[in-house]
Amino acid sequence: MRDAIKVAVGQAVPDAPWRVMPRRAGFRRRLLNRWPVIFSFLLVVCCFVPRVYANEPARKVVIPFDFASDFDQGRQGRVVGEMIWKKLDRQGGFVIPESMIDVRDTLAANHIWLTADTPLDEVARIVRDDFDGHIAIWGTIERVAGQSWDVYDVKIRCVDFSTQPKPTVVYSVDARTKTVSEIPHVHVKQLLDRLYDRKPMGLAPVDPITEENWRTGPNLIAGGNFEKGAGGAPLGWDSRGGQKREPLGRLVRWEPEKGNPSNHIVRLAFDKALGDTFGVMYYSDFFPVDAGATYRFQCRWRTDGPKAKVFIKCYAAMESDYRPSEAAGHADSTSRGRAPSELQRRECYRSQQNLDGENNTWNTHTEDFTPRHTKFKPRWGRVMLYGYLGAGTVEFDDVVVKQIVPPSPGAGEKQRRHSLESGVTIEQMKENERREPR
């Protein structure tokens, strides 16, 4: 009976395997009957797939080399070579070495040393014979002798040796940079634009609302033009300046402009010993800021030699055990224990703005910034004018900070994190701490 039931429902009995044989034989018979159709399908696939891959253009092999930089035993040159390799790896489109270590090992094993002045036929031989490549990127970066700051002579070469009848120069430049940041942001960018056959990006379209806010909005620096003041200090600015916070009149001066006594300016004056070490700084008073809003800074400035920078620092209310009045007590060990924490202004955002222009003439600098932090909410800001490097004077005038784009709705509702590298929010960390057994 048990066997009859299993046969009725189509199940095999362990001791009667022949009862399922007709089902297997039927499957084989149907497979053989359909074999011509299956064979035709496989034949079409085998013929079509190679054509699909044949239509895909072959990617060229690009070999980025470390740049030569004798002034620091090749350190800066390796930085540039690594940077170009990473940009090629990120943007894709070419075959590149697995890493710059592979390139360096091959050059070292074959006792090869490339500079921007290496003949093209020699570079072509290296690229083809040692790397089986098509395009080479190489060059030289050297610090300019007699300069006390980041002034470099840069030579970049990019040549495609796979073209006929002669190699194609993709990019070639000999330039002197005023700042080291010009190398990645100007010359390497131009190189990659040429290599990828991209047109340089034009200026972003002007937002009429933003420009209207810039034109009509209030200046957050109360005395940005330095025309009004009291007690020897301009309105809206600190009464002391410099690293040691000394009264105005020596390092930091509020005075009429030379040759134009109706206009008042702030002048930072210092010798080489101070300029090459601490420099001279001067702060504005605090002004309110909104986290996530966009602000525009602008100033006029002039130098007879030293460098100039501007820092816009933004602050949040944070707990701190530091008391300025107790600093002396902590220093001589007379402080009695730890005082309760209180909220103090602490820096949580900084916009560094590098001022670049001709000496002995008024230059105008304009730059936007957006104060934000993953954990804290910036609430106040202040401007720090800074002169450094060498001896001489740096003058500032017409300092302006305006909000040009308000914070987006909900910008302050984002969950706080310790840093941009962390996906764990502050609230999640507190919840985990509450769950831990005591």
Protein backbone atom coordinates (compact mmCIF):
# COMPACT_ATOMS: atom_id res chain seq x y z
CA MET A 1 0.00 0.00 0.00
CA ARG A 2 2.80 2.40 0.90
CA ASP A 3 4.46 1.82 -2.47
CA ALA A 4 1.21 2.27 -4.33
CA ILE A 5 0.61 5.64 -2.63
CA LYS A 6 4.11 6.87 -3.52
CA VAL A 7 3.73 5.80 -7.09
CA ALA A 8 0.39 7.56 -7.28
CA VAL A 9 1.88 10.88 -6.14
CA GLY A 10 4.94 10.47 -8.36
CA GLN A 11 7.54 9.68 -5.66
CA ALA A 12 10.18 6.97 -6.11
CA VAL A 13 10.42 4.07 -3.77
CA PRO A 14 14.01 3.42 -2.59
CA ASP A 15 13.91 -0.22 -3.55
CA ALA A 16 12.19 0.37 -6.92
CA PRO A 17 14.28 2.98 -8.82
CA TRP A 18 13.04 1.84 -12.26
CA ARG A 19 9.70 3.52 -11.58
CA VAL A 20 11.21 7.02 -12.23
CA MET A 21 13.24 5.98 -15.28
CA PRO A 22 10.54 6.81 -17.82
CA ARG A 23 10.43 10.41 -16.52
CA ARG A 24 14.24 10.84 -16.98
CA ALA A 25 14.17 9.21 -20.38
CA GLY A 26 11.41 11.59 -21.45
CA PHE A 27 13.52 14.60 -20.44
CA ARG A 28 16.51 13.37 -22.45
CA ARG A 29 14.25 12.75 -25.46
CA ARG A 30 12.81 16.30 -25.29
CA LEU A 31 16.33 17.74 -24.93
CA LEU A 32 17.52 15.89 -28.05
CA ASN A 33 14.47 17.06 -29.99
CA ARG A 34 15.22 20.71 -29.08
CA TRP A 35 18.99 20.52 -29.63
CA PRO A 36 18.91 22.24 -33.06
CA VAL A 37 17.22 25.29 -31.49
CA ILE A 38 19.69 25.38 -28.58
CA PHE A 39 22.66 24.97 -30.93
CA SER A 40 21.43 27.84 -33.13
CA PHE A 41 21.04 30.11 -30.08
CA LEU A 42 24.58 29.37 -28.85
CA LEU A 43 25.96 29.97 -32.33
CA VAL A 44 24.30 33.41 -32.51
CA VAL A 45 25.66 34.34 -29.05
CA CYS A 46 29.20 33.25 -29.95
CA CYS A 47 29.10 35.32 -33.13
CA PHE A 48 27.57 38.42 -31.50
CA VAL A 49 29.64 38.81 -28.32
CA PRO A 50 33.01 39.31 -30.09
CA ARG A 51 31.45 42.01 -32.25
CA VAL A 52 30.22 43.85 -29.13
CA TYR A 53 33.70 43.90 -27.65
CA ALA A 54 35.23 44.73 -31.03
CA ASN A 55 33.18 47.94 -31.12
CA GLU A 56 34.64 49.07 -27.77
CA PRO A 57 37.70 51.26 -28.43
CA ALA A 58 40.97 50.01 -26.99
CA ARG A 59 42.10 52.07 -24.02
CA LYS A 60 45.57 53.57 -24.14
CA VAL A 61 48.13 52.91 -21.44
CA VAL A 62 49.24 56.05 -19.58
CA ILE A 63 52.44 55.99 -17.51
CA PRO A 64 52.73 58.85 -14.98
CA PHE A 65 56.29 59.31 -13.71
CA ASP A 66 57.51 61.03 -10.57
CA PHE A 67 58.71 64.54 -11.34
CA ALA A 68 62.35 65.43 -10.78
CA SER A 69 62.90 67.78 -7.80
CA ASP A 70 66.55 68.04 -6.84
CA PHE A 71 65.99 70.78 -4.25
CA ASP A 72 64.41 68.30 -1.80
CA GLN A 73 65.83 64.97 -3.04
CA GLY A 74 62.71 64.19 -5.06
CA ARG A 75 60.09 64.51 -2.30
CA GLN A 76 57.93 67.15 -4.00
CA GLY A 77 58.32 65.39 -7.35
CA ARG A 78 56.96 62.16 -5.86
CA VAL A 79 54.02 64.09 -4.43
CA VAL A 80 53.14 65.43 -7.90
CA GLY A 81 53.54 62.01 -9.54
CA GLU A 82 51.32 60.35 -6.94
CA MET A 83 48.72 63.09 -7.29
CA ILE A 84 48.48 62.65 -11.07
CA TRP A 85 48.20 58.85 -10.71
CA LYS A 86 45.32 59.23 -8.23
CA LYS A 87 43.47 61.65 -10.50
CA LEU A 88 43.83 59.26 -13.45
CA ASP A 89 42.65 56.35 -11.30
CA ARG A 90 39.62 58.32 -10.10
CA GLN A 91 38.58 59.63 -13.52
CA GLY A 92 39.24 56.41 -15.45
CA GLY A 93 39.31 56.10 -19.24
CA PHE A 94 42.92 54.91 -19.44
CA VAL A 95 44.95 51.90 -18.36
CA ILE A 96 47.47 52.92 -15.69
CA PRO A 97 49.99 51.03 -13.54
CA GLU A 98 48.70 49.32 -10.41
CA SER A 99 50.54 51.89 -8.30
CA MET A 100 53.37 54.39 -8.47
CA ILE A 101 55.51 51.86 -6.59
CA ASP A 102 55.50 49.66 -9.72
CA VAL A 103 56.72 52.59 -11.82
CA ARG A 104 59.44 53.48 -9.31
CA ASP A 105 60.64 49.88 -9.02
CA THR A 106 60.93 49.55 -12.81
CA LEU A 107 62.88 52.80 -13.12
CA ALA A 108 65.21 51.83 -10.28
CA ALA A 109 65.83 48.34 -11.70
CA ASN A 110 66.77 49.82 -15.09
CA HIS A 111 68.71 52.81 -13.67
CA ILE A 112 66.40 55.31 -15.40
CA TRP A 113 66.15 58.97 -14.40
CA LEU A 114 63.71 61.29 -16.18
CA THR A 115 63.58 65.09 -16.20
CA ALA A 116 61.62 67.53 -18.33
CA ASP A 117 64.69 67.90 -20.56
CA THR A 118 65.05 64.18 -21.35
CA PRO A 119 64.90 63.76 -25.19
CA LEU A 120 61.59 62.54 -26.57
CA ASP A 121 63.12 59.54 -28.34
CA GLU A 122 64.62 58.38 -25.03
CA VAL A 123 61.26 58.77 -23.24
CA ALA A 124 59.54 56.92 -26.12
CA ARG A 125 61.92 53.99 -25.76
CA ILE A 126 61.32 53.80 -22.00
CA VAL A 127 57.53 53.95 -22.34
CA ARG A 128 57.36 51.32 -25.09
CA ASP A 129 60.09 48.90 -24.02
CA ASP A 130 59.91 49.05 -20.23
CA PHE A 131 56.20 49.69 -19.70
CA ASP A 132 54.49 48.65 -22.95
CA GLY A 133 52.68 51.98 -22.75
CA HIS A 134 51.42 54.65 -25.10
CA ILE A 135 51.34 58.00 -23.23
CA ALA A 136 53.89 59.39 -20.78
CA ILE A 137 53.51 62.17 -18.20
CA TRP A 138 56.70 63.50 -16.64
CA GLY A 139 58.40 66.75 -15.67
CA THR A 140 60.48 68.77 -13.25
CA ILE A 141 59.68 70.98 -10.27
CA GLU A 142 62.39 73.07 -8.64
CA ARG A 143 62.27 75.79 -6.02
CA VAL A 144 63.50 79.13 -7.33
CA ALA A 145 66.87 80.07 -5.84
CA GLY A 146 66.95 83.22 -3.72
CA GLN A 147 63.22 83.07 -2.92
CA SER A 148 62.19 82.70 0.71
CA TRP A 149 58.70 81.38 -0.06
CA ASP A 150 56.90 78.83 -2.23
CA VAL A 151 58.02 80.01 -5.69
CA TYR A 152 58.71 77.14 -8.11
CA ASP A 153 59.76 76.58 -11.70
CA VAL A 154 57.49 73.86 -13.09
CA LYS A 155 57.91 71.93 -16.34
CA ILE A 156 55.24 69.41 -17.33
CA ARG A 157 55.31 67.13 -20.38
CA CYS A 158 52.56 64.81 -21.67
CA VAL A 159 53.22 63.05 -25.00
CA ASP A 160 51.34 60.30 -26.85
CA PHE A 161 53.98 58.08 -28.48
CA SER A 162 51.44 55.77 -30.17
CA THR A 163 50.47 58.20 -32.93
CA GLN A 164 51.91 58.14 -36.41
CA PRO A 165 53.95 59.38 -38.15
CA LYS A 166 55.29 61.23 -35.09
CA PRO A 167 54.39 61.54 -31.38
CA THR A 168 51.64 63.95 -30.36
CA VAL A 169 52.42 66.50 -27.68
CA VAL A 170 49.27 66.51 -25.54
CA TYR A 171 50.47 69.14 -23.05
CA SER A 172 53.70 71.01 -22.42
CA VAL A 173 54.27 73.96 -20.12
CA ASP A 174 57.16 75.82 -18.50
CA ALA A 175 55.85 78.09 -15.74
CA ARG A 176 56.89 79.90 -12.58
CA THR A 177 54.33 79.59 -9.79
CA LYS A 178 53.71 82.22 -7.14
CA THR A 179 52.21 79.61 -4.80
CA VAL A 180 52.60 75.84 -4.66
CA SER A 181 48.82 75.43 -4.95
CA GLU A 182 49.04 76.57 -8.58
CA ILE A 183 50.61 73.22 -9.51
CA PRO A 184 47.49 71.06 -8.85
CA HIS A 185 44.80 73.69 -9.37
CA VAL A 186 46.15 75.27 -12.56
CA HIS A 187 48.78 73.21 -14.38
CA VAL A 188 47.75 69.64 -13.49
CA LYS A 189 44.12 70.57 -14.15
CA GLN A 190 45.06 71.93 -17.58
CA LEU A 191 47.05 68.75 -18.26
CA LEU A 192 44.07 66.50 -17.48
CA ASP A 193 41.70 68.70 -19.48
CA ARG A 194 43.96 68.24 -22.52
CA LEU A 195 44.43 64.53 -21.92
CA TYR A 196 40.68 63.90 -21.65
CA ASP A 197 39.95 66.39 -24.43
CA ARG A 198 37.77 68.47 -22.13
CA LYS A 199 37.00 72.11 -22.61
CA PRO A 200 37.96 74.26 -19.61
CA MET A 201 34.95 75.07 -17.47
CA GLY A 202 33.69 78.60 -17.85
CA LEU A 203 32.58 80.92 -15.09
CA ALA A 204 29.53 79.85 -13.11
CA PRO A 205 26.37 81.72 -14.06
CA VAL A 206 25.61 84.75 -11.93
CA ASP A 207 22.74 84.32 -9.48
CA PRO A 208 20.79 87.62 -9.50
CA ILE A 209 19.41 87.07 -5.98
CA THR A 210 22.89 86.43 -4.59
CA GLU A 211 24.27 89.52 -6.29
CA GLU A 212 21.35 91.61 -5.04
CA ASN A 213 22.04 90.43 -1.48
CA TRP A 214 25.68 91.35 -1.94
CA ARG A 215 24.76 94.80 -3.23
CA THR A 216 22.13 95.71 -0.65
CA GLY A 217 22.88 93.54 2.40
CA PRO A 218 24.38 95.03 5.58
CA ASN A 219 28.09 94.79 6.29
CA LEU A 220 28.57 92.62 9.38
CA ILE A 221 31.83 94.45 10.15
CA ALA A 222 30.58 97.60 11.84
CA GLY A 223 33.56 99.73 10.87
CA GLY A 224 34.90 97.95 7.83
CA ASN A 225 36.00 101.17 6.15
CA PHE A 226 38.05 102.24 9.21
CA GLU A 227 36.66 105.80 9.09
CA LYS A 228 35.21 105.89 12.60
CA GLY A 229 36.73 104.94 15.89
CA ALA A 230 37.19 105.70 19.58
CA GLY A 231 39.96 105.31 22.12
CA GLY A 232 42.64 104.96 19.42
CA ALA A 233 40.96 101.96 17.73
CA PRO A 234 38.68 101.78 14.69
CA LEU A 235 34.99 101.01 15.22
CA GLY A 236 34.28 97.28 15.14
CA TRP A 237 37.90 96.25 15.69
CA ASP A 238 40.11 95.20 18.60
CA SER A 239 42.04 97.75 20.62
CA ARG A 240 45.10 95.49 20.61
CA GLY A 241 47.04 93.60 17.96
CA GLY A 242 49.96 91.30 17.27
CA GLN A 243 50.87 87.96 18.79
CA LYS A 244 51.39 89.52 22.24
CA ARG A 245 48.23 91.66 22.07
CA GLU A 246 49.94 94.99 22.47
CA PRO A 247 48.12 98.35 22.18
CA LEU A 248 47.71 99.86 18.72
CA GLY A 249 50.34 102.27 17.48
CA ARG A 250 53.44 100.17 16.79
CA LEU A 251 52.83 96.84 15.03
CA VAL A 252 49.22 97.66 14.20
CA ARG A 253 48.33 101.25 13.34
CA TRP A 254 45.04 102.93 12.59
CA GLU A 255 45.95 106.03 10.63
CA PRO A 256 45.29 108.10 7.49
CA GLU A 257 46.48 106.71 4.20
CA LYS A 258 49.70 108.25 2.98
CA GLY A 259 48.95 110.65 0.14
CA ASN A 260 45.20 110.47 0.87
CA PRO A 261 44.65 111.83 4.41
CA SER A 262 40.86 111.79 4.08
CA ASN A 263 40.90 107.96 4.00
CA HIS A 264 41.80 105.89 7.06
CA ILE A 265 43.36 102.43 6.89
CA VAL A 266 44.91 99.76 9.11
CA ARG A 267 48.64 99.25 8.59
CA LEU A 268 50.62 96.23 9.85
CA ALA A 269 54.34 97.10 10.13
CA PHE A 270 57.06 94.64 11.20
CA ASP A 271 60.73 93.72 10.78
CA LYS A 272 62.10 90.54 9.18
CA ALA A 273 62.63 88.71 12.48
CA LEU A 274 58.95 89.05 13.34
CA GLY A 275 57.71 88.60 9.77
CA ASP A 276 59.57 85.31 9.34
CA THR A 277 58.29 83.89 12.63
CA PHE A 278 54.98 84.95 14.18
CA GLY A 279 53.89 87.65 11.76
CA VAL A 280 51.37 90.29 12.84
CA MET A 281 47.64 89.70 13.28
CA TYR A 282 44.69 91.99 13.93
CA TYR A 283 41.13 90.94 14.82
CA SER A 284 37.72 92.43 14.22
CA ASP A 285 35.02 92.28 16.86
CA PHE A 286 32.66 89.29 16.85
CA PHE A 287 29.65 89.34 14.53
CA PRO A 288 26.72 86.87 14.29
CA VAL A 289 26.70 84.09 11.66
CA ASP A 290 24.21 81.39 10.67
CA ALA A 291 25.51 77.86 10.22
CA GLY A 292 25.10 76.73 6.62
CA ALA A 293 24.63 80.23 5.21
CA THR A 294 27.01 81.54 2.54
CA TYR A 295 28.93 84.74 3.16
CA ARG A 296 31.11 86.88 0.94
CA PHE A 297 34.29 88.53 2.18
CA GLN A 298 35.97 91.41 0.39
CA CYS A 299 38.79 93.80 1.21
CA ARG A 300 41.31 96.10 -0.39
CA TRP A 301 44.93 95.48 0.51
CA ARG A 302 48.41 96.66 -0.37
CA THR A 303 51.91 95.43 0.48
CA ASP A 304 55.43 96.66 -0.16
CA GLY A 305 56.87 93.15 0.10
CA PRO A 306 55.46 90.92 2.87
CA LYS A 307 52.75 88.33 2.27
CA ALA A 308 49.15 88.85 3.32
CA LYS A 309 46.37 86.49 4.38
CA VAL A 310 42.92 86.79 5.87
CA PHE A 311 41.32 84.25 8.21
CA ILE A 312 37.60 84.27 8.93
CA LYS A 313 37.16 82.29 12.14
CA CYS A 314 33.77 81.12 13.37
CA TYR A 315 32.90 80.01 16.88
CA ALA A 316 30.36 77.93 18.78
CA ALA A 317 29.41 77.81 22.45
CA MET A 318 31.28 74.91 24.04
CA GLU A 319 31.90 73.74 27.56
CA SER A 320 35.36 74.60 28.91
CA ASP A 321 37.15 74.37 32.24
CA TYR A 322 39.61 77.13 31.31
CA ARG A 323 39.30 80.44 33.16
CA PRO A 324 41.56 83.28 32.02
CA SER A 325 41.47 84.71 35.53
CA GLU A 326 42.73 81.39 36.93
CA ALA A 327 45.58 80.94 34.45
CA ALA A 328 48.13 82.40 36.86
CA GLY A 329 46.85 80.18 39.66
CA HIS A 330 47.27 77.08 37.51
CA ALA A 331 50.77 78.23 36.56
CA ASP A 332 51.98 78.58 40.16
CA SER A 333 49.97 75.59 41.44
CA THR A 334 47.79 77.69 43.75
CA SER A 335 44.52 76.81 41.99
CA ARG A 336 42.24 74.73 44.22
CA GLY A 337 40.72 71.94 42.18
CA ARG A 338 38.67 72.03 39.04
CA ALA A 339 35.95 74.62 38.60
CA PRO A 340 32.57 73.65 37.08
CA SER A 341 32.40 73.81 33.28
CA GLU A 342 30.91 76.87 31.62
CA LEU A 343 30.08 77.73 28.02
CA GLN A 344 32.73 79.67 26.13
CA ARG A 345 33.29 80.69 22.52
CA ARG A 346 35.54 78.13 20.84
CA GLU A 347 36.63 78.07 17.19
CA CYS A 348 34.94 75.40 15.06
CA TYR A 349 35.37 76.73 11.50
CA ARG A 350 38.04 78.66 9.62
CA SER A 351 38.22 80.11 6.11
CA GLN A 352 41.81 80.81 5.05
CA GLN A 353 41.99 83.29 2.19
CA ASN A 354 45.33 83.80 0.45
CA LEU A 355 45.76 87.30 -0.94
CA ASP A 356 47.63 87.48 -4.24
CA GLY A 357 48.46 90.67 -6.13
CA GLU A 358 51.07 93.17 -7.22
CA ASN A 359 53.25 95.00 -4.71
CA ASN A 360 52.85 98.72 -3.99
CA THR A 361 49.35 98.92 -5.45
CA TRP A 362 45.86 98.47 -4.06
CA ASN A 363 44.46 95.00 -4.81
CA THR A 364 40.92 93.75 -4.21
CA HIS A 365 40.25 90.25 -2.88
CA THR A 366 36.76 88.63 -2.93
CA GLU A 367 35.93 85.12 -1.73
CA ASP A 368 32.85 83.26 -0.46
CA PHE A 369 32.72 80.94 2.56
CA THR A 370 30.10 78.81 4.34
CA PRO A 371 30.59 78.21 8.08
CA ARG A 372 29.50 74.70 9.09
CA HIS A 373 30.59 71.91 11.41
CA THR A 374 29.41 68.31 11.84
CA LYS A 375 29.12 68.53 15.64
CA PHE A 376 28.88 72.21 16.62
CA LYS A 377 26.79 75.10 15.33
CA PRO A 378 28.81 78.21 14.42
CA ARG A 379 27.16 81.30 15.92
CA TRP A 380 29.80 84.02 15.80
CA GLY A 381 32.55 85.03 13.42
CA ARG A 382 35.45 87.46 13.27
CA VAL A 383 38.03 88.49 10.71
CA MET A 384 41.77 88.21 11.33
CA LEU A 385 44.03 90.32 9.11
CA TYR A 386 47.53 88.86 8.88
CA GLY A 387 50.88 90.00 7.49
CA TYR A 388 54.01 87.84 7.48
CA LEU A 389 57.24 86.82 5.71
CA GLY A 390 59.91 89.46 5.35
CA ALA A 391 59.97 93.06 6.53
CA GLY A 392 57.71 95.94 5.53
CA THR A 393 54.07 96.96 5.72
CA VAL A 394 50.72 95.45 4.76
CA GLU A 395 47.74 97.80 4.58
CA PHE A 396 44.02 96.95 4.66
CA ASP A 397 40.91 98.95 3.84
CA ASP A 398 37.19 98.51 3.10
CA VAL A 399 36.70 95.14 4.82
CA VAL A 400 33.25 93.72 4.08
CA VAL A 401 31.43 90.55 5.22
CA LYS A 402 27.85 90.05 3.98
CA GLN A 403 25.45 87.11 3.98
CA ILE A 404 24.59 86.40 0.33
CA VAL A 405 22.74 83.05 0.65
CA PRO A 406 20.68 82.22 3.77
CA PRO A 407 20.87 78.71 5.24
CA SER A 408 18.60 76.18 3.58
CA PRO A 409 15.48 75.08 5.52
CA GLY A 410 16.34 72.24 7.83
CA ALA A 411 20.10 72.89 7.68
CA GLY A 412 20.19 73.17 11.45
CA GLU A 413 18.18 69.97 11.87
CA LYS A 414 20.87 67.64 10.50
CA GLN A 415 22.08 65.04 12.95
CA ARG A 416 25.42 66.00 14.44
CA ARG A 417 28.54 63.85 14.04
CA HIS A 418 32.05 64.12 15.42
CA SER A 419 33.56 64.51 11.94
CA LEU A 420 32.88 64.13 8.23
CA GLU A 421 34.67 60.75 8.36
CA SER A 422 32.16 59.29 10.83
CA GLY A 423 28.68 58.07 10.00
CA VAL A 424 27.75 57.69 13.69
CA THR A 425 25.75 60.60 15.07
CA ILE A 426 26.23 62.17 18.50
CA GLU A 427 22.78 60.96 19.60
CA GLN A 428 23.62 57.39 18.57
CA MET A 429 26.82 57.52 20.65
CA LYS A 430 24.91 58.79 23.69
CA GLU A 431 22.30 56.05 23.25
CA ASN A 432 25.04 53.38 23.09
CA GLU A 433 26.56 54.77 26.29
CA ARG A 434 23.19 54.56 28.05
CA ARG A 435 22.83 50.91 27.02
CA GLU A 436 26.22 49.89 28.38
CA PRO A 437 26.04 48.11 31.74
CA ARG A 438 27.34 50.07 34.67
